[in-house]
């Protein structure tokens, strides 16, 4: 009942208006709706751009992670070969492996996969 009362009041007010006043009210309402629509479009554009930039950044992070993983694999093979030739170098390589593993874990944490 309470919702109907404002509607009835609006209808009565509009019926009391002249055709010219009604047309002006319709134009004003249309302009207000157009303004709101434009504001929504204007605010949506930067959000879409930010979404694209975030997606590109995630892709770049994933590529860097893959490249780092490949580099670690190569370093492990080279390290194993060098350790066979020089045991002292083997210790240094083991320390480097530990550092690389820590870096890999940090990269995984950054990309959201741990």
C-alpha atoms as a PDB file:
ATOM      1  CA  UNK A   1       0.000   0.000   0.000  1.00  0.00           C
ATOM      2  CA  UNK A   2       2.827   2.372   0.878  1.00  0.00           C
ATOM      3  CA  UNK A   3       4.482   1.852  -2.502  1.00  0.00           C
ATOM      4  CA  UNK A   4       1.306   2.615  -4.368  1.00  0.00           C
ATOM      5  CA  UNK A   5       0.806   5.967  -2.612  1.00  0.00           C
ATOM      6  CA  UNK A   6       3.937   7.661  -4.069  1.00  0.00           C
ATOM      7  CA  UNK A   7       3.049   6.237  -7.471  1.00  0.00           C
ATOM      8  CA  UNK A   8      -0.478   7.633  -7.261  1.00  0.00           C
ATOM      9  CA  UNK A   9       0.887  10.988  -6.106  1.00  0.00           C
ATOM     10  CA  UNK A  10       3.291  11.064  -9.052  1.00  0.00           C
ATOM     11  CA  UNK A  11       0.517  10.223 -11.488  1.00  0.00           C
ATOM     12  CA  UNK A  12      -1.714  12.932 -10.009  1.00  0.00           C
ATOM     13  CA  UNK A  13       1.100  15.490 -10.234  1.00  0.00           C
ATOM     14  CA  UNK A  14       1.830  14.544 -13.828  1.00  0.00           C
ATOM     15  CA  UNK A  15      -1.833  14.742 -14.746  1.00  0.00           C
ATOM     16  CA  UNK A  16      -1.953  18.232 -13.234  1.00  0.00           C
ATOM     17  CA  UNK A  17       0.965  19.276 -15.452  1.00  0.00           C
ATOM     18  CA  UNK A  18       0.460  20.646 -18.910  1.00  0.00           C
ATOM     19  CA  UNK A  19       1.648  18.673 -21.919  1.00  0.00           C
ATOM     20  CA  UNK A  20       4.576  21.062 -22.239  1.00  0.00           C
ATOM     21  CA  UNK A  21       5.583  20.568 -18.603  1.00  0.00           C
ATOM     22  CA  UNK A  22       5.264  16.811 -18.972  1.00  0.00           C
ATOM     23  CA  UNK A  23       7.505  16.889 -22.039  1.00  0.00           C
ATOM     24  CA  UNK A  24      10.066  18.972 -20.156  1.00  0.00           C
ATOM     25  CA  UNK A  25       9.994  16.538 -17.225  1.00  0.00           C
ATOM     26  CA  UNK A  26      10.475  13.633 -19.623  1.00  0.00           C
ATOM     27  CA  UNK A  27      13.408  15.394 -21.286  1.00  0.00           C
ATOM     28  CA  UNK A  28      15.005  16.146 -17.917  1.00  0.00           C
ATOM     29  CA  UNK A  29      14.530  12.555 -16.784  1.00  0.00           C
ATOM     30  CA  UNK A  30      15.992  11.288 -20.056  1.00  0.00           C
ATOM     31  CA  UNK A  31      18.968  13.622 -19.720  1.00  0.00           C
ATOM     32  CA  UNK A  32      19.542  12.477 -16.128  1.00  0.00           C
ATOM     33  CA  UNK A  33      19.414   8.819 -17.188  1.00  0.00           C
ATOM     34  CA  UNK A  34      21.818   9.558 -20.048  1.00  0.00           C
ATOM     35  CA  UNK A  35      24.213  11.262 -17.630  1.00  0.00           C
ATOM     36  CA  UNK A  36      24.194   8.285 -15.283  1.00  0.00           C
ATOM     37  CA  UNK A  37      24.729   5.916 -18.211  1.00  0.00           C
ATOM     38  CA  UNK A  38      27.697   7.978 -19.420  1.00  0.00           C
ATOM     39  CA  UNK A  39      29.186   8.062 -15.906  1.00  0.00           C
ATOM     40  CA  UNK A  40      28.959   4.264 -15.706  1.00  0.00           C
ATOM     41  CA  UNK A  41      30.655   3.896 -19.109  1.00  0.00           C
ATOM     42  CA  UNK A  42      33.385   6.384 -18.175  1.00  0.00           C
ATOM     43  CA  UNK A  43      34.159   4.560 -14.936  1.00  0.00           C
ATOM     44  CA  UNK A  44      34.117   1.133 -16.608  1.00  0.00           C
ATOM     45  CA  UNK A  45      36.766   2.006 -19.204  1.00  0.00           C
ATOM     46  CA  UNK A  46      39.670   2.361 -16.708  1.00  0.00           C
ATOM     47  CA  UNK A  47      38.643  -0.876 -14.998  1.00  0.00           C
ATOM     48  CA  UNK A  48      38.802  -2.786 -18.271  1.00  0.00           C
ATOM     49  CA  UNK A  49      42.248  -1.329 -18.982  1.00  0.00           C
ATOM     50  CA  UNK A  50      43.484  -2.295 -15.512  1.00  0.00           C
ATOM     51  CA  UNK A  51      42.157  -5.810 -16.021  1.00  0.00           C
ATOM     52  CA  UNK A  52      44.086  -6.107 -19.301  1.00  0.00           C
ATOM     53  CA  UNK A  53      47.274  -4.828 -17.669  1.00  0.00           C
ATOM     54  CA  UNK A  54      46.924  -7.271 -14.775  1.00  0.00           C
ATOM     55  CA  UNK A  55      46.383 -10.145 -17.193  1.00  0.00           C
ATOM     56  CA  UNK A  56      49.493  -9.153 -19.165  1.00  0.00           C
ATOM     57  CA  UNK A  57      51.539  -8.934 -15.959  1.00  0.00           C
ATOM     58  CA  UNK A  58      50.415 -12.401 -14.897  1.00  0.00           C
ATOM     59  CA  UNK A  59      51.415 -13.760 -18.307  1.00  0.00           C
ATOM     60  CA  UNK A  60      54.837 -12.128 -18.027  1.00  0.00           C
ATOM     61  CA  UNK A  61      55.341 -13.581 -14.554  1.00  0.00           C
ATOM     62  CA  UNK A  62      54.462 -17.044 -15.801  1.00  0.00           C
ATOM     63  CA  UNK A  63      56.948 -16.744 -18.705  1.00  0.00           C
ATOM     64  CA  UNK A  64      59.681 -15.550 -16.319  1.00  0.00           C
ATOM     65  CA  UNK A  65      58.984 -18.478 -14.034  1.00  0.00           C
ATOM     66  CA  UNK A  66      59.300 -20.919 -16.946  1.00  0.00           C
ATOM     67  CA  UNK A  67      62.556 -19.305 -18.068  1.00  0.00           C
ATOM     68  CA  UNK A  68      63.947 -19.427 -14.532  1.00  0.00           C
ATOM     69  CA  UNK A  69      62.990 -23.072 -14.221  1.00  0.00           C
ATOM     70  CA  UNK A  70      64.758 -23.876 -17.511  1.00  0.00           C
ATOM     71  CA  UNK A  71      67.853 -21.964 -16.384  1.00  0.00           C
ATOM     72  CA  UNK A  72      67.891 -23.866 -13.105  1.00  0.00           C
ATOM     73  CA  UNK A  73      67.745 -27.164 -15.004  1.00  0.00           C
ATOM     74  CA  UNK A  74      70.706 -26.177 -17.151  1.00  0.00           C
ATOM     75  CA  UNK A  75      72.636 -24.940 -14.112  1.00  0.00           C
ATOM     76  CA  UNK A  76      72.058 -28.253 -12.330  1.00  0.00           C
ATOM     77  CA  UNK A  77      73.419 -30.242 -15.269  1.00  0.00           C
ATOM     78  CA  UNK A  78      76.459 -27.969 -15.621  1.00  0.00           C
ATOM     79  CA  UNK A  79      77.000 -28.118 -11.858  1.00  0.00           C
ATOM     80  CA  UNK A  80      76.895 -31.890 -11.799  1.00  0.00           C
ATOM     81  CA  UNK A  81      79.487 -32.063 -14.571  1.00  0.00           C
ATOM     82  CA  UNK A  82      81.730 -29.501 -12.836  1.00  0.00           C
ATOM     83  CA  UNK A  83      81.431 -31.288  -9.470  1.00  0.00           C
ATOM     84  CA  UNK A  84      82.773 -34.444 -11.037  1.00  0.00           C
ATOM     85  CA  UNK A  85      85.873 -32.544 -12.182  1.00  0.00           C
ATOM     86  CA  UNK A  86      86.509 -30.564  -8.954  1.00  0.00           C
ATOM     87  CA  UNK A  87      85.047 -31.614  -5.532  1.00  0.00           C
ATOM     88  CA  UNK A  88      85.580 -28.124  -4.023  1.00  0.00           C
ATOM     89  CA  UNK A  89      83.631 -26.648  -6.881  1.00  0.00           C
ATOM     90  CA  UNK A  90      80.948 -29.237  -6.102  1.00  0.00           C
ATOM     91  CA  UNK A  91      80.470 -27.672  -2.625  1.00  0.00           C
ATOM     92  CA  UNK A  92      80.125 -24.230  -4.129  1.00  0.00           C
ATOM     93  CA  UNK A  93      77.603 -25.584  -6.593  1.00  0.00           C
ATOM     94  CA  UNK A  94      75.581 -27.169  -3.788  1.00  0.00           C
ATOM     95  CA  UNK A  95      75.413 -23.766  -2.069  1.00  0.00           C
ATOM     96  CA  UNK A  96      74.347 -22.153  -5.341  1.00  0.00           C
ATOM     97  CA  UNK A  97      71.653 -24.824  -5.740  1.00  0.00           C
ATOM     98  CA  UNK A  98      70.268 -23.948  -2.322  1.00  0.00           C
ATOM     99  CA  UNK A  99      70.138 -20.290  -3.292  1.00  0.00           C
ATOM    100  CA  UNK A 100      68.446 -21.139  -6.590  1.00  0.00           C
ATOM    101  CA  UNK A 101      65.867 -23.276  -4.801  1.00  0.00           C
ATOM    102  CA  UNK A 102      65.113 -20.371  -2.457  1.00  0.00           C
ATOM    103  CA  UNK A 103      64.740 -18.049  -5.446  1.00  0.00           C
ATOM    104  CA  UNK A 104      62.429 -20.558  -7.142  1.00  0.00           C
ATOM    105  CA  UNK A 105      60.248 -20.744  -4.035  1.00  0.00           C
ATOM    106  CA  UNK A 106      60.100 -16.961  -3.864  1.00  0.00           C
ATOM    107  CA  UNK A 107      59.084 -16.806  -7.521  1.00  0.00           C
ATOM    108  CA  UNK A 108      56.390 -19.385  -6.852  1.00  0.00           C
ATOM    109  CA  UNK A 109      55.093 -17.372  -3.902  1.00  0.00           C
ATOM    110  CA  UNK A 110      54.940 -14.224  -6.033  1.00  0.00           C
ATOM    111  CA  UNK A 111      52.948 -15.955  -8.768  1.00  0.00           C
ATOM    112  CA  UNK A 112      50.580 -17.423  -6.172  1.00  0.00           C
ATOM    113  CA  UNK A 113      51.786 -21.008  -6.422  1.00  0.00           C
ATOM    114  CA  UNK A 114      53.888 -22.285  -3.612  1.00  0.00           C
END
